[in-house]
Amino acid sequence: MLAVFGGLFPRLGLLVVWIARPALVDAAFGTFIWPLLGIIFLPFTTLIYVIVYVPGIGLTGFGWFWVILALLLDIGQWGASYTQRNQVPGMRGA
């Protein structure tokens, strides 16, 4: 159950921010397609990008640190799910 919540948290968090403060997401991306793709593929990175983005300025040095850290977490999550998929009987070679 904890793994399910851990996987859904960044997606739900970004959806809540997008619904509650759509101006933040619009300022960070300018279009709806990038945050939508972010929810699907890189939820931690997209959520952190929206949180640390400063309208009119963008991201500064330490903001990039958090975005890169979130990207590493997303990549780690993808790697963990790939490893788990390879350990399931019957799924070998997929």
C-alpha atoms as a PDB file:
ATOM      1  CA  MET A   1       0.000   0.000   0.000  1.00  0.00           C
ATOM      2  CA  LEU A   2       2.867   2.346   0.805  1.00  0.00           C
ATOM      3  CA  ALA A   3       4.407   1.749  -2.634  1.00  0.00           C
ATOM      4  CA  VAL A   4       1.111   2.619  -4.330  1.00  0.00           C
ATOM      5  CA  PHE A   5       0.850   5.896  -2.403  1.00  0.00           C
ATOM      6  CA  GLY A   6       4.513   6.648  -3.085  1.00  0.00           C
ATOM      7  CA  GLY A   7       3.985   6.190  -6.807  1.00  0.00           C
ATOM      8  CA  LEU A   8       0.788   8.222  -6.889  1.00  0.00           C
ATOM      9  CA  PHE A   9       1.831  11.071  -4.584  1.00  0.00           C
ATOM     10  CA  PRO A  10       3.684  13.245  -7.110  1.00  0.00           C
ATOM     11  CA  ARG A  11       0.942  12.806  -9.685  1.00  0.00           C
ATOM     12  CA  LEU A  12      -1.786  13.684  -7.212  1.00  0.00           C
ATOM     13  CA  GLY A  13       0.303  16.547  -5.847  1.00  0.00           C
ATOM     14  CA  LEU A  14       0.773  18.044  -9.298  1.00  0.00           C
ATOM     15  CA  LEU A  15      -2.923  17.642 -10.086  1.00  0.00           C
ATOM     16  CA  VAL A  16      -3.865  19.422  -6.857  1.00  0.00           C
ATOM     17  CA  VAL A  17      -1.453  22.267  -7.605  1.00  0.00           C
ATOM     18  CA  TRP A  18      -2.732  22.462 -11.186  1.00  0.00           C
ATOM     19  CA  ILE A  19      -6.367  22.651 -10.041  1.00  0.00           C
ATOM     20  CA  ALA A  20      -5.769  24.964  -7.061  1.00  0.00           C
ATOM     21  CA  ARG A  21      -3.220  27.300  -8.710  1.00  0.00           C
ATOM     22  CA  PRO A  22      -3.412  26.937 -12.503  1.00  0.00           C
ATOM     23  CA  ALA A  23      -1.469  30.191 -12.942  1.00  0.00           C
ATOM     24  CA  LEU A  24       1.638  28.525 -11.435  1.00  0.00           C
ATOM     25  CA  VAL A  25       1.572  25.685 -13.933  1.00  0.00           C
ATOM     26  CA  ASP A  26       0.750  28.001 -16.834  1.00  0.00           C
ATOM     27  CA  ALA A  27       3.609  30.328 -15.890  1.00  0.00           C
ATOM     28  CA  ALA A  28       6.060  27.444 -15.661  1.00  0.00           C
ATOM     29  CA  PHE A  29       5.130  25.728 -18.932  1.00  0.00           C
ATOM     30  CA  GLY A  30       2.910  28.000 -21.022  1.00  0.00           C
ATOM     31  CA  THR A  31       0.936  25.081 -22.464  1.00  0.00           C
ATOM     32  CA  PHE A  32      -0.956  22.134 -21.061  1.00  0.00           C
ATOM     33  CA  ILE A  33       0.908  19.404 -22.978  1.00  0.00           C
ATOM     34  CA  TRP A  34       4.210  19.554 -20.997  1.00  0.00           C
ATOM     35  CA  PRO A  35       2.649  19.221 -17.537  1.00  0.00           C
ATOM     36  CA  LEU A  36       0.386  16.477 -18.875  1.00  0.00           C
ATOM     37  CA  LEU A  37       3.398  14.552 -20.198  1.00  0.00           C
ATOM     38  CA  GLY A  38       5.148  15.281 -16.912  1.00  0.00           C
ATOM     39  CA  ILE A  39       2.337  13.682 -14.928  1.00  0.00           C
ATOM     40  CA  ILE A  40       2.697  10.545 -17.026  1.00  0.00           C
ATOM     41  CA  PHE A  41       6.474  10.182 -17.368  1.00  0.00           C
ATOM     42  CA  LEU A  42       8.355  12.403 -14.860  1.00  0.00           C
ATOM     43  CA  PRO A  43       5.972  13.294 -12.013  1.00  0.00           C
ATOM     44  CA  PHE A  44       8.576  14.237  -9.347  1.00  0.00           C
ATOM     45  CA  THR A  45      10.518  16.412 -11.773  1.00  0.00           C
ATOM     46  CA  THR A  46       7.420  18.201 -13.043  1.00  0.00           C
ATOM     47  CA  LEU A  47       6.082  18.838  -9.538  1.00  0.00           C
ATOM     48  CA  ILE A  48       9.400  20.226  -8.284  1.00  0.00           C
ATOM     49  CA  TYR A  49       9.815  22.344 -11.432  1.00  0.00           C
ATOM     50  CA  VAL A  50       6.412  23.948 -10.868  1.00  0.00           C
ATOM     51  CA  ILE A  51       7.155  24.546  -7.177  1.00  0.00           C
ATOM     52  CA  VAL A  52      10.597  26.172  -7.641  1.00  0.00           C
ATOM     53  CA  TYR A  53       9.800  28.097 -10.847  1.00  0.00           C
ATOM     54  CA  VAL A  54       9.711  31.881 -10.329  1.00  0.00           C
ATOM     55  CA  PRO A  55       7.464  33.656 -12.877  1.00  0.00           C
ATOM     56  CA  GLY A  56       9.378  36.173 -14.943  1.00  0.00           C
ATOM     57  CA  ILE A  57      12.754  34.869 -13.759  1.00  0.00           C
ATOM     58  CA  GLY A  58      12.628  31.110 -14.302  1.00  0.00           C
ATOM     59  CA  LEU A  59      14.922  28.759 -12.425  1.00  0.00           C
ATOM     60  CA  THR A  60      18.066  29.933 -10.715  1.00  0.00           C
ATOM     61  CA  GLY A  61      21.080  27.916  -9.551  1.00  0.00           C
ATOM     62  CA  PHE A  62      19.684  26.182  -6.477  1.00  0.00           C
ATOM     63  CA  GLY A  63      16.320  25.601  -8.178  1.00  0.00           C
ATOM     64  CA  TRP A  64      18.095  23.539 -10.819  1.00  0.00           C
ATOM     65  CA  PHE A  65      19.621  21.432  -8.047  1.00  0.00           C
ATOM     66  CA  TRP A  66      16.144  20.415  -6.857  1.00  0.00           C
ATOM     67  CA  VAL A  67      14.929  19.704 -10.387  1.00  0.00           C
ATOM     68  CA  ILE A  68      17.956  17.504 -11.109  1.00  0.00           C
ATOM     69  CA  LEU A  69      17.487  15.691  -7.786  1.00  0.00           C
ATOM     70  CA  ALA A  70      13.834  15.052  -8.676  1.00  0.00           C
ATOM     71  CA  LEU A  71      14.903  13.801 -12.113  1.00  0.00           C
ATOM     72  CA  LEU A  72      17.246  11.322 -10.452  1.00  0.00           C
ATOM     73  CA  LEU A  73      14.358  10.128  -8.260  1.00  0.00           C
ATOM     74  CA  ASP A  74      12.176   9.626 -11.334  1.00  0.00           C
ATOM     75  CA  ILE A  75      14.924   7.709 -13.117  1.00  0.00           C
ATOM     76  CA  GLY A  76      15.443   5.610  -9.984  1.00  0.00           C
ATOM     77  CA  GLN A  77      11.742   4.806  -9.867  1.00  0.00           C
ATOM     78  CA  TRP A  78      11.812   3.720 -13.517  1.00  0.00           C
ATOM     79  CA  GLY A  79      14.866   1.541 -12.847  1.00  0.00           C
ATOM     80  CA  ALA A  80      13.260  -0.053  -9.792  1.00  0.00           C
ATOM     81  CA  SER A  81      10.101  -0.921 -11.711  1.00  0.00           C
ATOM     82  CA  TYR A  82      12.202  -2.369 -14.556  1.00  0.00           C
ATOM     83  CA  THR A  83      14.106  -4.521 -12.056  1.00  0.00           C
ATOM     84  CA  GLN A  84      10.886  -5.709 -10.415  1.00  0.00           C
ATOM     85  CA  ARG A  85       9.381  -6.537 -13.799  1.00  0.00           C
ATOM     86  CA  ASN A  86      12.344  -8.756 -14.641  1.00  0.00           C
ATOM     87  CA  GLN A  87      11.962 -10.685 -11.360  1.00  0.00           C
ATOM     88  CA  VAL A  88       8.356 -11.733 -11.999  1.00  0.00           C
ATOM     89  CA  PRO A  89       8.125 -15.354 -13.241  1.00  0.00           C
ATOM     90  CA  GLY A  90       6.889 -15.563 -16.806  1.00  0.00           C
ATOM     91  CA  MET A  91       7.981 -12.016 -17.655  1.00  0.00           C
ATOM     92  CA  ARG A  92      11.594 -12.878 -18.489  1.00  0.00           C
ATOM     93  CA  GLY A  93      12.836 -11.413 -21.737  1.00  0.00           C
ATOM     94  CA  ALA A  94      10.028  -8.889 -22.012  1.00  0.00           C
END
